[in-house]
C-alpha atoms as a PDB file:
ATOM      1  CA  MET A   1      -9.977   1.844 -22.239  1.00  0.00           C
ATOM      2  CA  LEU A   2      -8.206   2.295 -18.899  1.00  0.00           C
ATOM      3  CA  GLU A   3      -7.528   5.946 -19.723  1.00  0.00           C
ATOM      4  CA  SER A   4     -11.245   6.689 -19.303  1.00  0.00           C
ATOM      5  CA  ILE A   5     -11.007   6.223 -15.508  1.00  0.00           C
ATOM      6  CA  LEU A   6      -8.545   9.126 -15.198  1.00  0.00           C
ATOM      7  CA  HIS A   7      -9.913  12.596 -14.419  1.00  0.00           C
ATOM      8  CA  PRO A   8      -8.863  14.901 -17.303  1.00  0.00           C
ATOM      9  CA  ILE A   9      -8.392  17.930 -15.046  1.00  0.00           C
ATOM     10  CA  HIS A  10      -6.205  15.906 -12.671  1.00  0.00           C
ATOM     11  CA  LEU A  11      -4.101  14.790 -15.642  1.00  0.00           C
ATOM     12  CA  LYS A  12      -3.727  18.395 -16.790  1.00  0.00           C
ATOM     13  CA  GLU A  13      -2.703  19.555 -13.291  1.00  0.00           C
ATOM     14  CA  LEU A  14      -0.156  16.760 -12.913  1.00  0.00           C
ATOM     15  CA  ALA A  15       1.425  17.692 -16.247  1.00  0.00           C
ATOM     16  CA  LYS A  16       1.633  21.340 -15.201  1.00  0.00           C
ATOM     17  CA  GLN A  17       3.161  20.490 -11.817  1.00  0.00           C
ATOM     18  CA  TRP A  18       5.809  18.272 -13.400  1.00  0.00           C
ATOM     19  CA  MET A  19       6.772  20.934 -15.944  1.00  0.00           C
ATOM     20  CA  LEU A  20       6.954  23.713 -13.347  1.00  0.00           C
ATOM     21  CA  GLU A  21       9.147  21.504 -11.169  1.00  0.00           C
ATOM     22  CA  ASP A  22      11.516  20.844 -14.070  1.00  0.00           C
ATOM     23  CA  VAL A  23      11.832  24.480 -15.228  1.00  0.00           C
ATOM     24  CA  THR A  24      11.535  26.983 -12.396  1.00  0.00           C
ATOM     25  CA  ASN A  25      12.268  30.074 -14.511  1.00  0.00           C
ATOM     26  CA  TYR A  26      14.475  30.221 -17.636  1.00  0.00           C
ATOM     27  CA  ASP A  27      14.945  27.384 -20.125  1.00  0.00           C
ATOM     28  CA  PHE A  28      18.424  28.179 -21.426  1.00  0.00           C
ATOM     29  CA  GLY A  29      18.738  25.003 -23.519  1.00  0.00           C
ATOM     30  CA  GLY A  30      15.418  25.796 -25.138  1.00  0.00           C
ATOM     31  CA  GLY A  31      16.850  29.106 -26.288  1.00  0.00           C
ATOM     32  CA  VAL A  32      19.584  27.239 -28.125  1.00  0.00           C
ATOM     33  CA  VAL A  33      17.238  25.185 -30.309  1.00  0.00           C
ATOM     34  CA  GLY A  34      14.325  27.626 -30.560  1.00  0.00           C
ATOM     35  CA  ASP A  35      11.022  26.746 -32.222  1.00  0.00           C
ATOM     36  CA  THR A  36      12.362  24.772 -35.174  1.00  0.00           C
ATOM     37  CA  GLU A  37       9.770  22.168 -36.151  1.00  0.00           C
ATOM     38  CA  CYS A  38      11.145  18.710 -35.364  1.00  0.00           C
ATOM     39  CA  GLU A  39      10.248  15.035 -35.186  1.00  0.00           C
ATOM     40  CA  PHE A  40      11.386  13.048 -32.137  1.00  0.00           C
ATOM     41  CA  THR A  41      11.120   9.317 -31.445  1.00  0.00           C
ATOM     42  CA  ILE A  42      10.937   7.608 -28.048  1.00  0.00           C
ATOM     43  CA  PHE A  43      12.554   4.182 -27.887  1.00  0.00           C
ATOM     44  CA  MET A  44      11.933   1.431 -25.325  1.00  0.00           C
ATOM     45  CA  LYS A  45      15.411   0.117 -24.541  1.00  0.00           C
ATOM     46  CA  SER A  46      14.696  -2.671 -22.059  1.00  0.00           C
ATOM     47  CA  PRO A  47      11.987  -5.358 -22.096  1.00  0.00           C
ATOM     48  CA  GLY A  48       8.719  -4.689 -20.330  1.00  0.00           C
ATOM     49  CA  VAL A  49       5.053  -3.738 -20.456  1.00  0.00           C
ATOM     50  CA  LEU A  50       4.403  -0.289 -21.912  1.00  0.00           C
ATOM     51  CA  ALA A  51       2.446   1.946 -19.502  1.00  0.00           C
ATOM     52  CA  GLY A  52       1.896   5.631 -18.749  1.00  0.00           C
ATOM     53  CA  ILE A  53       0.641   6.814 -22.135  1.00  0.00           C
ATOM     54  CA  PRO A  54      -2.198   9.057 -20.805  1.00  0.00           C
ATOM     55  CA  PHE A  55       0.269  10.906 -18.573  1.00  0.00           C
ATOM     56  CA  ALA A  56       2.742  11.377 -21.422  1.00  0.00           C
ATOM     57  CA  ASN A  57      -0.071  12.612 -23.648  1.00  0.00           C
ATOM     58  CA  ALA A  58      -1.109  15.128 -20.974  1.00  0.00           C
ATOM     59  CA  VAL A  59       2.385  16.644 -21.092  1.00  0.00           C
ATOM     60  CA  PHE A  60       2.385  16.664 -24.898  1.00  0.00           C
ATOM     61  CA  SER A  61      -1.031  18.335 -24.935  1.00  0.00           C
ATOM     62  CA  GLU A  62       0.034  21.103 -22.548  1.00  0.00           C
ATOM     63  CA  LEU A  63       2.949  21.925 -24.848  1.00  0.00           C
ATOM     64  CA  GLY A  64       0.992  21.732 -28.108  1.00  0.00           C
ATOM     65  CA  LEU A  65       2.863  18.662 -29.364  1.00  0.00           C
ATOM     66  CA  LYS A  66       1.408  15.925 -31.541  1.00  0.00           C
ATOM     67  CA  ALA A  67       2.079  12.269 -30.725  1.00  0.00           C
ATOM     68  CA  ASN A  68       1.686   9.205 -32.927  1.00  0.00           C
ATOM     69  CA  TRP A  69       1.889   6.079 -30.780  1.00  0.00           C
ATOM     70  CA  ILE A  70       3.261   3.038 -32.571  1.00  0.00           C
ATOM     71  CA  HIS A  71       2.476   0.612 -29.746  1.00  0.00           C
ATOM     72  CA  LYS A  72      -0.481   0.330 -27.385  1.00  0.00           C
ATOM     73  CA  GLU A  73      -0.463   0.521 -23.623  1.00  0.00           C
ATOM     74  CA  GLY A  74      -0.227  -2.906 -22.023  1.00  0.00           C
ATOM     75  CA  GLU A  75       1.855  -4.417 -24.842  1.00  0.00           C
ATOM     76  CA  LYS A  76       4.902  -6.473 -23.907  1.00  0.00           C
ATOM     77  CA  ILE A  77       7.793  -4.981 -25.844  1.00  0.00           C
ATOM     78  CA  PHE A  78      11.349  -6.147 -26.447  1.00  0.00           C
ATOM     79  CA  PRO A  79      14.223  -3.695 -27.062  1.00  0.00           C
ATOM     80  CA  ILE A  80      15.184  -1.645 -28.877  1.00  0.00           C
ATOM     81  CA  THR A  81      11.759  -0.572 -30.150  1.00  0.00           C
ATOM     82  CA  PRO A  82      10.320   2.816 -31.177  1.00  0.00           C
ATOM     83  CA  VAL A  83       7.044   3.344 -29.289  1.00  0.00           C
ATOM     84  CA  VAL A  84       5.969   6.876 -30.258  1.00  0.00           C
ATOM     85  CA  LYS A  85       6.833   9.694 -32.644  1.00  0.00           C
ATOM     86  CA  ILE A  86       6.285  13.274 -31.482  1.00  0.00           C
ATOM     87  CA  PHE A  87       6.088  16.374 -33.650  1.00  0.00           C
ATOM     88  CA  GLY A  88       6.402  20.054 -32.792  1.00  0.00           C
ATOM     89  CA  SER A  89       8.656  22.856 -31.620  1.00  0.00           C
ATOM     90  CA  ALA A  90      12.181  21.698 -30.735  1.00  0.00           C
ATOM     91  CA  ARG A  91      12.307  23.579 -27.422  1.00  0.00           C
ATOM     92  CA  LYS A  92       8.908  22.219 -26.376  1.00  0.00           C
ATOM     93  CA  LEU A  93       9.899  18.694 -27.330  1.00  0.00           C
ATOM     94  CA  LEU A  94      12.943  19.048 -25.097  1.00  0.00           C
ATOM     95  CA  LEU A  95      10.789  20.480 -22.305  1.00  0.00           C
ATOM     96  CA  ALA A  96       8.714  17.294 -22.458  1.00  0.00           C
ATOM     97  CA  GLU A  97      11.635  14.890 -22.839  1.00  0.00           C
ATOM     98  CA  ARG A  98      12.798  14.102 -19.303  1.00  0.00           C
ATOM     99  CA  ILE A  99       9.340  14.320 -17.730  1.00  0.00           C
ATOM    100  CA  VAL A 100       7.807  11.904 -20.223  1.00  0.00           C
ATOM    101  CA  LEU A 101      10.735   9.500 -20.054  1.00  0.00           C
ATOM    102  CA  ASN A 102      10.585   9.466 -16.250  1.00  0.00           C
ATOM    103  CA  VAL A 103       6.848   8.778 -16.258  1.00  0.00           C
ATOM    104  CA  LEU A 104       7.005   6.043 -18.908  1.00  0.00           C
ATOM    105  CA  SER A 105      10.005   4.445 -17.207  1.00  0.00           C
ATOM    106  CA  ARG A 106       8.327   4.182 -13.811  1.00  0.00           C
ATOM    107  CA  ALA A 107       4.818   3.358 -15.018  1.00  0.00           C
ATOM    108  CA  SER A 108       6.182   0.634 -17.281  1.00  0.00           C
ATOM    109  CA  GLY A 109       8.292  -0.677 -14.389  1.00  0.00           C
ATOM    110  CA  VAL A 110       5.192  -1.112 -12.215  1.00  0.00           C
ATOM    111  CA  ALA A 111       3.168  -2.632 -15.064  1.00  0.00           C
ATOM    112  CA  THR A 112       5.994  -5.045 -15.864  1.00  0.00           C
ATOM    113  CA  ILE A 113       6.430  -6.426 -12.347  1.00  0.00           C
ATOM    114  CA  ALA A 114       2.639  -6.622 -11.952  1.00  0.00           C
ATOM    115  CA  SER A 115       2.349  -8.584 -15.189  1.00  0.00           C
ATOM    116  CA  ASN A 116       5.202 -10.907 -14.198  1.00  0.00           C
ATOM    117  CA  MET A 117       3.756 -11.641 -10.755  1.00  0.00           C
ATOM    118  CA  LYS A 118       0.267 -12.131 -12.196  1.00  0.00           C
ATOM    119  CA  SER A 119       1.669 -14.627 -14.704  1.00  0.00           C
ATOM    120  CA  GLN A 120       3.360 -16.583 -11.920  1.00  0.00           C
ATOM    121  CA  LEU A 121       0.094 -16.813  -9.994  1.00  0.00           C
ATOM    122  CA  GLU A 122      -1.806 -17.920 -13.088  1.00  0.00           C
ATOM    123  CA  SER A 123       0.841 -20.560 -13.821  1.00  0.00           C
ATOM    124  CA  VAL A 124      -0.064 -22.395 -10.585  1.00  0.00           C
ATOM    125  CA  GLY A 125      -3.808 -22.015 -11.185  1.00  0.00           C
ATOM    126  CA  TRP A 126      -4.498 -19.418  -8.489  1.00  0.00           C
ATOM    127  CA  LYS A 127      -7.376 -17.131  -9.461  1.00  0.00           C
ATOM    128  CA  GLY A 128      -7.470 -14.524  -6.682  1.00  0.00           C
ATOM    129  CA  ALA A 129      -6.539 -10.840  -6.817  1.00  0.00           C
ATOM    130  CA  LEU A 130      -2.955  -9.578  -6.860  1.00  0.00           C
ATOM    131  CA  ALA A 131      -2.862  -6.113  -5.290  1.00  0.00           C
ATOM    132  CA  GLY A 132      -0.379  -3.283  -4.810  1.00  0.00           C
ATOM    133  CA  THR A 133      -0.205  -1.508  -1.458  1.00  0.00           C
ATOM    134  CA  ARG A 134      -0.337   2.162  -0.444  1.00  0.00           C
ATOM    135  CA  LYS A 135       3.472   2.308  -0.261  1.00  0.00           C
ATOM    136  CA  THR A 136       3.594   4.431  -3.390  1.00  0.00           C
ATOM    137  CA  THR A 137       5.963   7.286  -4.220  1.00  0.00           C
ATOM    138  CA  PRO A 138       4.598  10.532  -2.685  1.00  0.00           C
ATOM    139  CA  GLY A 139       3.086  12.677  -5.428  1.00  0.00           C
ATOM    140  CA  PHE A 140       3.211   9.809  -7.921  1.00  0.00           C
ATOM    141  CA  ARG A 141       0.442   7.549  -6.612  1.00  0.00           C
ATOM    142  CA  MET A 142      -1.968   8.150  -9.471  1.00  0.00           C
ATOM    143  CA  VAL A 143       0.606   6.939 -12.000  1.00  0.00           C
ATOM    144  CA  GLU A 144       1.744   3.907 -10.008  1.00  0.00           C
ATOM    145  CA  LYS A 145      -1.771   2.781  -9.111  1.00  0.00           C
ATOM    146  CA  TYR A 146      -2.847   3.209 -12.741  1.00  0.00           C
ATOM    147  CA  ALA A 147       0.166   1.185 -13.906  1.00  0.00           C
ATOM    148  CA  LEU A 148      -0.912  -1.685 -11.634  1.00  0.00           C
ATOM    149  CA  LEU A 149      -4.135  -1.906 -13.644  1.00  0.00           C
ATOM    150  CA  VAL A 150      -2.216  -1.881 -16.927  1.00  0.00           C
ATOM    151  CA  GLY A 151      -0.144  -4.804 -15.647  1.00  0.00           C
ATOM    152  CA  GLY A 152      -3.237  -6.775 -14.624  1.00  0.00           C
ATOM    153  CA  ALA A 153      -3.063  -6.192 -10.860  1.00  0.00           C
ATOM    154  CA  ASP A 154      -5.552  -4.660  -8.426  1.00  0.00           C
ATOM    155  CA  THR A 155      -4.965  -1.192  -6.965  1.00  0.00           C
ATOM    156  CA  HIS A 156      -6.066  -2.216  -3.442  1.00  0.00           C
ATOM    157  CA  ARG A 157      -7.326   0.898  -1.581  1.00  0.00           C
ATOM    158  CA  TYR A 158      -6.297   4.126  -3.253  1.00  0.00           C
ATOM    159  CA  ASP A 159      -6.092   6.263  -0.108  1.00  0.00           C
ATOM    160  CA  LEU A 160      -7.387   6.593   3.467  1.00  0.00           C
ATOM    161  CA  SER A 161     -10.805   7.617   2.161  1.00  0.00           C
ATOM    162  CA  SER A 162     -11.241   4.334   0.331  1.00  0.00           C
ATOM    163  CA  MET A 163     -11.534   1.065   2.233  1.00  0.00           C
ATOM    164  CA  VAL A 164     -10.995   1.258   5.998  1.00  0.00           C
ATOM    165  CA  MET A 165      -7.891  -0.647   7.070  1.00  0.00           C
ATOM    166  CA  LEU A 166      -7.382  -1.090  10.798  1.00  0.00           C
ATOM    167  CA  LYS A 167      -3.746  -1.804  11.593  1.00  0.00           C
ATOM    168  CA  ASP A 168      -1.956  -2.581  14.859  1.00  0.00           C
ATOM    169  CA  ASN A 169      -1.775   1.073  15.925  1.00  0.00           C
ATOM    170  CA  HIS A 170      -5.526   1.539  15.477  1.00  0.00           C
ATOM    171  CA  VAL A 171      -6.195  -1.524  17.622  1.00  0.00           C
ATOM    172  CA  THR A 172      -3.659  -0.547  20.301  1.00  0.00           C
ATOM    173  CA  ILE A 173      -5.164   2.926  20.704  1.00  0.00           C
ATOM    174  CA  SER A 174      -8.776   1.677  20.541  1.00  0.00           C
ATOM    175  CA  GLY A 175      -8.148  -1.062  23.073  1.00  0.00           C
ATOM    176  CA  SER A 176      -9.360  -4.027  21.015  1.00  0.00           C
ATOM    177  CA  ILE A 177     -10.131  -5.181  17.500  1.00  0.00           C
ATOM    178  CA  GLU A 178     -13.848  -5.320  18.279  1.00  0.00           C
ATOM    179  CA  THR A 179     -13.908  -1.708  19.497  1.00  0.00           C
ATOM    180  CA  ALA A 180     -11.905  -0.493  16.486  1.00  0.00           C
ATOM    181  CA  VAL A 181     -14.216  -2.245  14.012  1.00  0.00           C
ATOM    182  CA  LYS A 182     -17.338  -0.928  15.765  1.00  0.00           C
ATOM    183  CA  LYS A 183     -16.061   2.679  15.624  1.00  0.00           C
ATOM    184  CA  ALA A 184     -15.032   2.307  11.988  1.00  0.00           C
ATOM    185  CA  ARG A 185     -18.473   1.034  11.025  1.00  0.00           C
ATOM    186  CA  GLU A 186     -20.093   4.046  12.688  1.00  0.00           C
ATOM    187  CA  PHE A 187     -18.003   6.324  10.474  1.00  0.00           C
ATOM    188  CA  CYS A 188     -18.036   4.542   7.123  1.00  0.00           C
ATOM    189  CA  GLY A 189     -21.514   3.005   7.247  1.00  0.00           C
ATOM    190  CA  PHE A 190     -22.528   0.205   4.867  1.00  0.00           C
ATOM    191  CA  SER A 191     -20.860   1.578   1.739  1.00  0.00           C
ATOM    192  CA  GLN A 192     -17.228   0.716   2.532  1.00  0.00           C
ATOM    193  CA  LYS A 193     -15.413  -2.443   3.491  1.00  0.00           C
ATOM    194  CA  ILE A 194     -13.458  -2.739   6.733  1.00  0.00           C
ATOM    195  CA  GLU A 195     -10.198  -4.681   6.721  1.00  0.00           C
ATOM    196  CA  VAL A 196      -8.275  -5.693   9.846  1.00  0.00           C
ATOM    197  CA  GLU A 197      -4.567  -6.494   9.948  1.00  0.00           C
ATOM    198  CA  CYS A 198      -4.079  -9.664  12.035  1.00  0.00           C
ATOM    199  CA  GLN A 199      -1.001 -11.415  13.381  1.00  0.00           C
ATOM    200  CA  SER A 200      -2.631 -14.631  14.629  1.00  0.00           C
ATOM    201  CA  LEU A 201      -5.657 -16.894  14.276  1.00  0.00           C
ATOM    202  CA  ASP A 202      -7.107 -15.465  17.490  1.00  0.00           C
ATOM    203  CA  GLU A 203      -6.929 -11.914  16.113  1.00  0.00           C
ATOM    204  CA  ALA A 204      -8.440 -13.019  12.801  1.00  0.00           C
ATOM    205  CA  THR A 205     -11.299 -14.752  14.636  1.00  0.00           C
ATOM    206  CA  GLU A 206     -11.948 -11.650  16.754  1.00  0.00           C
ATOM    207  CA  ALA A 207     -11.993  -9.462  13.619  1.00  0.00           C
ATOM    208  CA  CYS A 208     -14.481 -11.756  11.880  1.00  0.00           C
ATOM    209  CA  HIS A 209     -16.679 -11.922  14.990  1.00  0.00           C
ATOM    210  CA  ALA A 210     -16.722  -8.092  14.942  1.00  0.00           C
ATOM    211  CA  ASN A 211     -18.119  -8.265  11.375  1.00  0.00           C
ATOM    212  CA  CYS A 212     -15.135  -7.030   9.386  1.00  0.00           C
ATOM    213  CA  ASP A 213     -15.171  -7.653   5.635  1.00  0.00           C
ATOM    214  CA  VAL A 214     -11.515  -8.495   5.000  1.00  0.00           C
ATOM    215  CA  VAL A 215      -8.876 -10.119   7.198  1.00  0.00           C
ATOM    216  CA  MET A 216      -5.243  -9.439   6.360  1.00  0.00           C
ATOM    217  CA  LEU A 217      -2.945 -12.214   7.535  1.00  0.00           C
ATOM    218  CA  ASP A 218       0.242 -10.184   7.855  1.00  0.00           C
ATOM    219  CA  ASN A 219       3.794 -11.565   7.869  1.00  0.00           C
ATOM    220  CA  PHE A 220       2.754 -15.218   8.140  1.00  0.00           C
ATOM    221  CA  GLU A 221       5.023 -18.001   6.952  1.00  0.00           C
ATOM    222  CA  PRO A 222       3.407 -19.763   3.967  1.00  0.00           C
ATOM    223  CA  GLU A 223       2.368 -22.959   5.760  1.00  0.00           C
ATOM    224  CA  GLU A 224       1.051 -21.085   8.794  1.00  0.00           C
ATOM    225  CA  LEU A 225      -0.833 -18.770   6.438  1.00  0.00           C
ATOM    226  CA  LYS A 226      -2.556 -21.697   4.743  1.00  0.00           C
ATOM    227  CA  ARG A 227      -3.591 -23.310   8.031  1.00  0.00           C
ATOM    228  CA  THR A 228      -4.917 -20.009   9.392  1.00  0.00           C
ATOM    229  CA  ALA A 229      -6.744 -19.117   6.176  1.00  0.00           C
ATOM    230  CA  LEU A 230      -8.435 -22.530   6.161  1.00  0.00           C
ATOM    231  CA  ALA A 231      -9.544 -22.143   9.786  1.00  0.00           C
ATOM    232  CA  VAL A 232     -10.966 -18.649   9.177  1.00  0.00           C
ATOM    233  CA  LYS A 233     -12.748 -19.616   5.954  1.00  0.00           C
ATOM    234  CA  HIS A 234     -14.249 -22.692   7.570  1.00  0.00           C
ATOM    235  CA  GLN A 235     -15.936 -20.572  10.241  1.00  0.00           C
ATOM    236  CA  TYR A 236     -16.474 -17.343   8.247  1.00  0.00           C
ATOM    237  CA  PRO A 237     -16.736 -18.319   4.540  1.00  0.00           C
ATOM    238  CA  LYS A 238     -17.875 -14.854   3.367  1.00  0.00           C
ATOM    239  CA  VAL A 239     -14.906 -12.977   4.825  1.00  0.00           C
ATOM    240  CA  LEU A 240     -12.153 -12.203   2.315  1.00  0.00           C
ATOM    241  CA  ILE A 241      -8.652 -13.360   3.275  1.00  0.00           C
ATOM    242  CA  GLU A 242      -5.634 -11.291   2.239  1.00  0.00           C
ATOM    243  CA  ALA A 243      -2.043 -12.503   2.496  1.00  0.00           C
ATOM    244  CA  SER A 244       0.574  -9.789   2.881  1.00  0.00           C
ATOM    245  CA  GLY A 245       4.052  -9.109   4.223  1.00  0.00           C
ATOM    246  CA  GLY A 246       7.401 -10.054   2.662  1.00  0.00           C
ATOM    247  CA  ILE A 247       5.852 -11.309  -0.576  1.00  0.00           C
ATOM    248  CA  THR A 248       8.007 -10.858  -3.691  1.00  0.00           C
ATOM    249  CA  CYS A 249       8.375 -12.209  -7.230  1.00  0.00           C
ATOM    250  CA  GLN A 250      10.695 -14.874  -5.859  1.00  0.00           C
ATOM    251  CA  ASN A 251       8.304 -16.384  -3.300  1.00  0.00           C
ATOM    252  CA  ILE A 252       4.776 -15.344  -4.299  1.00  0.00           C
ATOM    253  CA  THR A 253       3.594 -18.782  -5.431  1.00  0.00           C
ATOM    254  CA  ASN A 254       4.350 -20.133  -1.926  1.00  0.00           C
ATOM    255  CA  TYR A 255       1.428 -18.071  -0.602  1.00  0.00           C
ATOM    256  CA  THR A 256      -1.252 -19.378  -2.929  1.00  0.00           C
ATOM    257  CA  CYS A 257      -4.036 -21.599  -1.677  1.00  0.00           C
ATOM    258  CA  PRO A 258      -7.811 -21.907  -2.258  1.00  0.00           C
ATOM    259  CA  TYR A 259      -8.587 -20.078   0.998  1.00  0.00           C
ATOM    260  CA  VAL A 260      -6.606 -16.928   0.152  1.00  0.00           C
ATOM    261  CA  ASP A 261      -8.583 -14.420  -1.924  1.00  0.00           C
ATOM    262  CA  ILE A 262      -6.024 -11.599  -2.198  1.00  0.00           C
ATOM    263  CA  ILE A 263      -2.246 -11.446  -2.240  1.00  0.00           C
ATOM    264  CA  SER A 264      -0.794  -7.973  -1.748  1.00  0.00           C
ATOM    265  CA  SER A 265       2.814  -6.894  -2.152  1.00  0.00           C
ATOM    266  CA  SER A 266       4.564  -3.569  -1.634  1.00  0.00           C
ATOM    267  CA  SER A 267       7.260  -4.631  -4.129  1.00  0.00           C
ATOM    268  CA  LEU A 268       4.782  -3.785  -6.895  1.00  0.00           C
ATOM    269  CA  VAL A 269       5.036  -0.067  -6.097  1.00  0.00           C
ATOM    270  CA  GLN A 270       8.185   0.147  -3.981  1.00  0.00           C
ATOM    271  CA  GLY A 271      11.645  -0.774  -5.193  1.00  0.00           C
ATOM    272  CA  TYR A 272      10.493  -1.948  -8.619  1.00  0.00           C
ATOM    273  CA  GLU A 273      12.922  -1.955 -11.557  1.00  0.00           C
ATOM    274  CA  THR A 274      12.302   0.812 -14.056  1.00  0.00           C
ATOM    275  CA  VAL A 275      12.157   0.299 -17.811  1.00  0.00           C
ATOM    276  CA  ASP A 276      14.719   2.195 -19.873  1.00  0.00           C
ATOM    277  CA  PHE A 277      13.479   4.721 -22.475  1.00  0.00           C
ATOM    278  CA  SER A 278      15.285   7.315 -24.567  1.00  0.00           C
ATOM    279  CA  MET A 279      14.105  10.131 -26.834  1.00  0.00           C
ATOM    280  CA  LYS A 280      16.016  11.076 -29.955  1.00  0.00           C
ATOM    281  CA  ALA A 281      15.619  13.810 -32.535  1.00  0.00           C
ATOM    282  CA  SER A 282      14.748  12.054 -35.786  1.00  0.00           C
ATOM    283  CA  GLN A 283      15.189  15.135 -37.971  1.00  0.00           C
ATOM    284  CA  SER A 284      14.412  18.786 -38.351  1.00  0.00           C
ATOM    285  CA  MET A 285      11.310  19.410 -40.423  1.00  0.00           C
ATOM    286  CA  LYS A 286      13.159  22.314 -42.006  1.00  0.00           C
ATOM    287  CA  ALA A 287      15.966  19.948 -42.996  1.00  0.00           C
ATOM    288  CA  THR A 288      13.450  17.504 -44.446  1.00  0.00           C
ATOM    289  CA  LYS A 289      11.908  20.196 -46.622  1.00  0.00           C
ATOM    290  CA  LEU A 290      15.359  21.299 -47.790  1.00  0.00           C
ATOM    291  CA  THR A 291      16.305  17.731 -48.747  1.00  0.00           C
ATOM    292  CA  LEU A 292      13.091  17.274 -50.729  1.00  0.00           C
ATOM    293  CA  HIS A 293      13.686  20.568 -52.518  1.00  0.00           C
ATOM    294  CA  GLN A 294      17.222  19.490 -53.455  1.00  0.00           C
ATOM    295  CA  VAL A 295      15.933  16.178 -54.822  1.00  0.00           C
ATOM    296  CA  GLU A 296      13.358  17.989 -56.943  1.00  0.00           C
END
C-alpha cells in the first residue's frame, strides 16, 4: 500500500520530465519499429529487493502501455527472473525502456541495501529506526526516499521544510546551540521536531537543555557513542538519540545500544549498488497472430 502515499500528479510530472529529458525532439529508432503491437518482458538480473513499481507504471501510463506485474514490490528476488510483462506499441515500449530500467535499478538498489542493513540490526536485537539521509541524487529524491520505505527503513526528514536540523554552520552563525534552538522554535512552533548535530557530550547537554527533540551524535566512535548516549538519556530520557557519520553495512551493528533510538546512514542513498534489469521483446503481436493462423 506504499504507493498510496505518492501524489499522482507528482508521479505524472516526473514521468513526463524523464521522457522529455530522454527524447528532446526526434525519436529516430522509434521510426524504425513503428507502432507494431508487441509484448516486452523486464528481467531482474541480479539479486535484490524489487522497488520502483509506481514510477515505472507512471511512465507506462503516460505512453498508453499496459503492464502485468509478475512480482510485488518489496519481494526479494533472485536472478534471472521476469518481473513484469508490458504490452503496446513497439516505439512506445522502447521510449519507456531505458527510463523504467534506470528507475527500477536505482530504486531496487536503495531498497536492497536498506533491507540488508535492517536485517543486520534485527539480528542483534536492536529495535530502533534505520534512516536514510538527505544526501539523495538531485531530482531523484522522491524515488530514493520511497525506496527506503520499501526496504524497511525510515526516510528521515524529506527536505528543509520537514524537521528542523541545526548543524554546525547554523550554530556557528547563531553564536550558540541555545540561541539556534530558540530561533528555530520561534519559526517552526510546536508542530515540528528540532534536531541538533552534536560533536561532544557538552554540546548534546546544551542542546537538550535548550529543549531540542533529537540529538544527533555525529562521527562518534562506537564506544564513545554508547557512553555519550547513556549520559544524555540518563539526564534527558525523552530526547531521541541519533547516531550518524561513517556508518555502513560493514560496521552498523557496532553502533547499536539501548540508548540509541535512530541510526542514520548516507550509504543508503549515496553510493549504493544498483540492481541489474533488462527489457527484451518477447514477440510481435502481429507475428503471434500469423503463427496461430498458420497452425489453424
